[in-house]
Amino acid sequence: MTTTMMPDVTSNQIAVLRDQARMAHVVVRMGLDGVTHEESLIQPDPAGNCLNWVVGHLLAVYDNVLPLVGQQPVLPPAAQKRYDRGSQPIRDGSEALDIGELMAMWDESAKRYDAGLGALDPATLGSPAPFSPTGNPDETIGSLLSTIAFHQSYHTGQTGLLRRVVGKAGVIG
């Protein structure tokens, strides 16, 4: 993606980023309500990732940006690697963290991300980002946080579909 496709975030949009993150947190919470660890490991057919991987991946992505907003990551390093972008789908349950543990970390991660965004100096948004998942050579912290908001929303939507794959009723009408 190019810079023109990824608008920079301005200081008055920090509240929007916080609202998007809060909605993603609530929707993932709703989507995982009543899902057992065993159900979280059910793979969609013909391909894709299970609920367990998607929640772990959401955490791994937040862990990558928590330091940018002055917060500490929550996942253990080995788990970070297991759920990071490009990692293989979970085929063996022994590779997965317990879904209850993941959800507790999801809550903590959301809390830290919100606190970090709330304390973020708006001037920081224009600073160069230390990495760019889109390959944007002009990535700023603001544009990166905008991309993260989209990413988290994308995978949050997957949790609703995967909830149905494991046989649960939908939670958002």
Foldseek 3Di string as FASTA:
>chain_A
DEDVVQDFAFPVCLVVLLVLLVVLLVLLVLLCVPQFQVLQQDADPPHDAGNQLLLLALLLVLQVCLVVLPHHRDDDPLSSVCNYPPHDHDPDSVSTDGVVVSNVSSVVSSVSVSVSSVPDDRVQSCAADPDDPVPYPNHGNRSRSVVSSVVSVVSSVVSQVNSVVSPDDGDDD
